[in-house]
Amino acid sequence: MSDERRQFREGVRMMVAERFALGKPSSVIAKELRVSARSVQRSRGS
């Protein structure tokens, strides 16, 4: 994976973490960030 792609994914993980802290459900986070719900769930486990 390229460094650029890795940075993008890390940025998404950080945004997911911020939204989880606000108490938002996975489905809402996925829609806001335009990623799959599965990606959100994986990020939550990281």
PDB file of N, CA and C in Angstrom:
ATOM      1  N   MET A   1       0.844  -1.164   0.000  1.00  0.00           N
ATOM      2  CA  MET A   1       0.000   0.000   0.000  1.00  0.00           C
ATOM      3  C   MET A   1       0.900   1.241   0.000  1.00  0.00           C
ATOM      4  N   SER A   2       0.518   2.235  -0.786  1.00  0.00           N
ATOM      5  CA  SER A   2       1.334   3.437  -0.875  1.00  0.00           C
ATOM      6  C   SER A   2       1.202   4.279   0.403  1.00  0.00           C
ATOM      7  N   ASP A   3       2.169   5.127   0.627  1.00  0.00           N
ATOM      8  CA  ASP A   3       2.132   6.004   1.794  1.00  0.00           C
ATOM      9  C   ASP A   3       0.917   6.923   1.748  1.00  0.00           C
ATOM     10  N   GLU A   4       0.585   7.384   0.556  1.00  0.00           N
ATOM     11  CA  GLU A   4      -0.573   8.275   0.399  1.00  0.00           C
ATOM     12  C   GLU A   4      -1.863   7.568   0.815  1.00  0.00           C
ATOM     13  N   ARG A   5      -2.027   6.345   0.380  1.00  0.00           N
ATOM     14  CA  ARG A   5      -3.221   5.569   0.718  1.00  0.00           C
ATOM     15  C   ARG A   5      -3.271   5.272   2.223  1.00  0.00           C
ATOM     16  N   ARG A   6      -2.130   4.971   2.786  1.00  0.00           N
ATOM     17  CA  ARG A   6      -2.037   4.689   4.227  1.00  0.00           C
ATOM     18  C   ARG A   6      -2.442   5.920   5.035  1.00  0.00           C
ATOM     19  N   GLN A   7      -1.985   7.096   4.612  1.00  0.00           N
ATOM     20  CA  GLN A   7      -2.342   8.337   5.294  1.00  0.00           C
ATOM     21  C   GLN A   7      -3.835   8.613   5.186  1.00  0.00           C
ATOM     22  N   PHE A   8      -4.406   8.360   4.013  1.00  0.00           N
ATOM     23  CA  PHE A   8      -5.837   8.556   3.828  1.00  0.00           C
ATOM     24  C   PHE A   8      -6.622   7.660   4.776  1.00  0.00           C
ATOM     25  N   ARG A   9      -6.255   6.389   4.845  1.00  0.00           N
ATOM     26  CA  ARG A   9      -6.957   5.441   5.709  1.00  0.00           C
ATOM     27  C   ARG A   9      -6.821   5.813   7.179  1.00  0.00           C
ATOM     28  N   GLU A  10      -5.650   6.286   7.569  1.00  0.00           N
ATOM     29  CA  GLU A  10      -5.454   6.712   8.959  1.00  0.00           C
ATOM     30  C   GLU A  10      -6.324   7.925   9.273  1.00  0.00           C
ATOM     31  N   GLY A  11      -6.456   8.825   8.314  1.00  0.00           N
ATOM     32  CA  GLY A  11      -7.334   9.985   8.492  1.00  0.00           C
ATOM     33  C   GLY A  11      -8.780   9.571   8.692  1.00  0.00           C
ATOM     34  N   VAL A  12      -9.228   8.598   7.909  1.00  0.00           N
ATOM     35  CA  VAL A  12     -10.594   8.087   8.049  1.00  0.00           C
ATOM     36  C   VAL A  12     -10.761   7.452   9.428  1.00  0.00           C
ATOM     37  N   ARG A  13      -9.770   6.679   9.873  1.00  0.00           N
ATOM     38  CA  ARG A  13      -9.847   6.061  11.202  1.00  0.00           C
ATOM     39  C   ARG A  13      -9.985   7.105  12.307  1.00  0.00           C
ATOM     40  N   MET A  14      -9.261   8.202  12.162  1.00  0.00           N
ATOM     41  CA  MET A  14      -9.342   9.271  13.160  1.00  0.00           C
ATOM     42  C   MET A  14     -10.729   9.921  13.163  1.00  0.00           C
ATOM     43  N   MET A  15     -11.288  10.137  11.984  1.00  0.00           N
ATOM     44  CA  MET A  15     -12.633  10.724  11.896  1.00  0.00           C
ATOM     45  C   MET A  15     -13.673   9.776  12.476  1.00  0.00           C
ATOM     46  N   VAL A  16     -13.494   8.476  12.235  1.00  0.00           N
ATOM     47  CA  VAL A  16     -14.404   7.476  12.803  1.00  0.00           C
ATOM     48  C   VAL A  16     -14.339   7.539  14.327  1.00  0.00           C
ATOM     49  N   ALA A  17     -13.140   7.603  14.873  1.00  0.00           N
ATOM     50  CA  ALA A  17     -12.971   7.652  16.332  1.00  0.00           C
ATOM     51  C   ALA A  17     -13.649   8.886  16.921  1.00  0.00           C
ATOM     52  N   GLU A  18     -13.511  10.023  16.265  1.00  0.00           N
ATOM     53  CA  GLU A  18     -14.146  11.254  16.746  1.00  0.00           C
ATOM     54  C   GLU A  18     -15.660  11.111  16.779  1.00  0.00           C
ATOM     55  N   ARG A  19     -16.212  10.508  15.741  1.00  0.00           N
ATOM     56  CA  ARG A  19     -17.671  10.363  15.666  1.00  0.00           C
ATOM     57  C   ARG A  19     -18.194   9.333  16.673  1.00  0.00           C
ATOM     58  N   PHE A  20     -17.417   8.276  16.907  1.00  0.00           N
ATOM     59  CA  PHE A  20     -17.800   7.308  17.939  1.00  0.00           C
ATOM     60  C   PHE A  20     -17.833   7.991  19.300  1.00  0.00           C
ATOM     61  N   ALA A  21     -16.876   8.879  19.540  1.00  0.00           N
ATOM     62  CA  ALA A  21     -16.831   9.597  20.819  1.00  0.00           C
ATOM     63  C   ALA A  21     -18.078  10.460  21.010  1.00  0.00           C
ATOM     64  N   LEU A  22     -18.669  10.892  19.907  1.00  0.00           N
ATOM     65  CA  LEU A  22     -19.898  11.685  19.976  1.00  0.00           C
ATOM     66  C   LEU A  22     -21.136  10.801  20.117  1.00  0.00           C
ATOM     67  N   GLY A  23     -20.933   9.487  20.061  1.00  0.00           N
ATOM     68  CA  GLY A  23     -22.039   8.553  20.238  1.00  0.00           C
ATOM     69  C   GLY A  23     -22.829   8.235  18.979  1.00  0.00           C
ATOM     70  N   LYS A  24     -22.263   8.529  17.828  1.00  0.00           N
ATOM     71  CA  LYS A  24     -22.970   8.254  16.573  1.00  0.00           C
ATOM     72  C   LYS A  24     -22.898   6.768  16.230  1.00  0.00           C
ATOM     73  N   PRO A  25     -23.972   6.211  15.669  1.00  0.00           N
ATOM     74  CA  PRO A  25     -23.954   4.796  15.262  1.00  0.00           C
ATOM     75  C   PRO A  25     -23.114   4.572  13.998  1.00  0.00           C
ATOM     76  N   SER A  26     -22.659   3.345  13.830  1.00  0.00           N
ATOM     77  CA  SER A  26     -21.797   2.985  12.692  1.00  0.00           C
ATOM     78  C   SER A  26     -22.422   3.347  11.354  1.00  0.00           C
ATOM     79  N   SER A  27     -23.717   3.103  11.200  1.00  0.00           N
ATOM     80  CA  SER A  27     -24.371   3.360   9.912  1.00  0.00           C
ATOM     81  C   SER A  27     -24.337   4.847   9.555  1.00  0.00           C
ATOM     82  N   VAL A  28     -24.509   5.713  10.540  1.00  0.00           N
ATOM     83  CA  VAL A  28     -24.485   7.157  10.301  1.00  0.00           C
ATOM     84  C   VAL A  28     -23.065   7.601   9.948  1.00  0.00           C
ATOM     85  N   ILE A  29     -22.084   7.082  10.669  1.00  0.00           N
ATOM     86  CA  ILE A  29     -20.685   7.422  10.399  1.00  0.00           C
ATOM     87  C   ILE A  29     -20.308   7.001   8.986  1.00  0.00           C
ATOM     88  N   ALA A  30     -20.697   5.798   8.605  1.00  0.00           N
ATOM     89  CA  ALA A  30     -20.384   5.292   7.271  1.00  0.00           C
ATOM     90  C   ALA A  30     -20.963   6.203   6.193  1.00  0.00           C
ATOM     91  N   LYS A  31     -22.190   6.637   6.391  1.00  0.00           N
ATOM     92  CA  LYS A  31     -22.833   7.501   5.406  1.00  0.00           C
ATOM     93  C   LYS A  31     -22.136   8.858   5.346  1.00  0.00           C
ATOM     94  N   GLU A  32     -21.801   9.427   6.500  1.00  0.00           N
ATOM     95  CA  GLU A  32     -21.134  10.732   6.539  1.00  0.00           C
ATOM     96  C   GLU A  32     -19.773  10.699   5.869  1.00  0.00           C
ATOM     97  N   LEU A  33     -19.032   9.623   6.088  1.00  0.00           N
ATOM     98  CA  LEU A  33     -17.668   9.527   5.559  1.00  0.00           C
ATOM     99  C   LEU A  33     -17.601   8.843   4.199  1.00  0.00           C
ATOM    100  N   ARG A  34     -18.749   8.373   3.733  1.00  0.00           N
ATOM    101  CA  ARG A  34     -18.845   7.705   2.428  1.00  0.00           C
ATOM    102  C   ARG A  34     -17.933   6.488   2.337  1.00  0.00           C
ATOM    103  N   VAL A  35     -18.003   5.672   3.399  1.00  0.00           N
ATOM    104  CA  VAL A  35     -17.292   4.397   3.440  1.00  0.00           C
ATOM    105  C   VAL A  35     -18.299   3.327   3.825  1.00  0.00           C
ATOM    106  N   SER A  36     -17.902   2.071   3.739  1.00  0.00           N
ATOM    107  CA  SER A  36     -18.821   0.997   4.090  1.00  0.00           C
ATOM    108  C   SER A  36     -18.963   0.891   5.608  1.00  0.00           C
ATOM    109  N   ALA A  37     -20.097   0.374   6.030  1.00  0.00           N
ATOM    110  CA  ALA A  37     -20.320   0.146   7.463  1.00  0.00           C
ATOM    111  C   ALA A  37     -19.277  -0.822   7.999  1.00  0.00           C
ATOM    112  N   ARG A  38     -18.879  -1.783   7.199  1.00  0.00           N
ATOM    113  CA  ARG A  38     -17.853  -2.743   7.609  1.00  0.00           C
ATOM    114  C   ARG A  38     -16.521  -2.040   7.880  1.00  0.00           C
ATOM    115  N   SER A  39     -16.176  -1.068   7.038  1.00  0.00           N
ATOM    116  CA  SER A  39     -14.940  -0.307   7.259  1.00  0.00           C
ATOM    117  C   SER A  39     -14.993   0.437   8.591  1.00  0.00           C
ATOM    118  N   VAL A  40     -16.159   0.989   8.894  1.00  0.00           N
ATOM    119  CA  VAL A  40     -16.329   1.694  10.172  1.00  0.00           C
ATOM    120  C   VAL A  40     -16.159   0.717  11.333  1.00  0.00           C
ATOM    121  N   GLN A  41     -16.765  -0.452  11.209  1.00  0.00           N
ATOM    122  CA  GLN A  41     -16.665  -1.442  12.274  1.00  0.00           C
ATOM    123  C   GLN A  41     -15.221  -1.900  12.474  1.00  0.00           C
ATOM    124  N   ARG A  42     -14.489  -2.074  11.387  1.00  0.00           N
ATOM    125  CA  ARG A  42     -13.073  -2.461  11.496  1.00  0.00           C
ATOM    126  C   ARG A  42     -12.267  -1.362  12.162  1.00  0.00           C
ATOM    127  N   SER A  43     -12.567  -0.103  11.812  1.00  0.00           N
ATOM    128  CA  SER A  43     -11.850   1.021  12.407  1.00  0.00           C
ATOM    129  C   SER A  43     -12.115   1.113  13.895  1.00  0.00           C
ATOM    130  N   ARG A  44     -13.309   0.785  14.287  1.00  0.00           N
ATOM    131  CA  ARG A  44     -13.674   0.856  15.689  1.00  0.00           C
ATOM    132  C   ARG A  44     -12.842  -0.152  16.505  1.00  0.00           C
ATOM    133  N   GLY A  45     -12.556  -1.291  15.909  1.00  0.00           N
ATOM    134  CA  GLY A  45     -11.772  -2.314  16.589  1.00  0.00           C
ATOM    135  C   GLY A  45     -10.294  -2.016  16.666  1.00  0.00           C
ATOM    136  N   SER A  46      -9.835  -1.025  15.891  1.00  0.00           N
ATOM    137  CA  SER A  46      -8.400  -0.698  15.862  1.00  0.00           C
ATOM    138  C   SER A  46      -7.986   0.161  17.031  1.00  0.00           C
TER     139      SER A  46
END
